[in-house]
Amino acid sequence: WELKGIYCYKFFSIRHSWEKAAELCR
């Protein structure tokens, strides 16, 4: 989850949607 979480968060961070990323990348 850590590796995938960081990648997922970074991917969404670019779109400024870390909130949605937290839910999708839970």
Protein backbone atom coordinates (compact mmCIF):
# COMPACT_ATOMS: atom_id res chain seq x y z
CA TRP A 1 0.00 0.00 0.00
CA GLU A 2 2.90 2.37 0.75
CA LEU A 3 4.43 2.09 -2.70
CA LYS A 4 1.08 2.13 -4.48
CA GLY A 5 -0.20 4.83 -2.13
CA ILE A 6 2.71 7.17 -2.86
CA TYR A 7 2.37 6.63 -6.60
CA CYS A 8 -1.40 7.05 -6.48
CA TYR A 9 -1.15 10.19 -4.36
CA LYS A 10 1.52 11.67 -6.64
CA PHE A 11 -0.58 10.93 -9.71
CA PHE A 12 -3.60 12.67 -8.19
CA SER A 13 -1.47 15.39 -6.61
CA ILE A 14 -0.74 16.64 -10.14
CA ARG A 15 -4.49 16.98 -10.74
CA HIS A 16 -4.91 18.63 -7.33
CA SER A 17 -7.34 15.92 -6.23
CA TRP A 18 -5.56 14.29 -3.30
CA GLU A 19 -8.92 14.10 -1.55
CA LYS A 20 -10.32 11.80 -4.22
CA ALA A 21 -7.04 9.91 -4.35
CA ALA A 22 -7.30 9.12 -0.64
CA GLU A 23 -10.68 7.50 -1.28
CA LEU A 24 -9.68 5.67 -4.47
CA CYS A 25 -6.21 4.75 -3.19
CA ARG A 26 -7.37 3.63 0.24
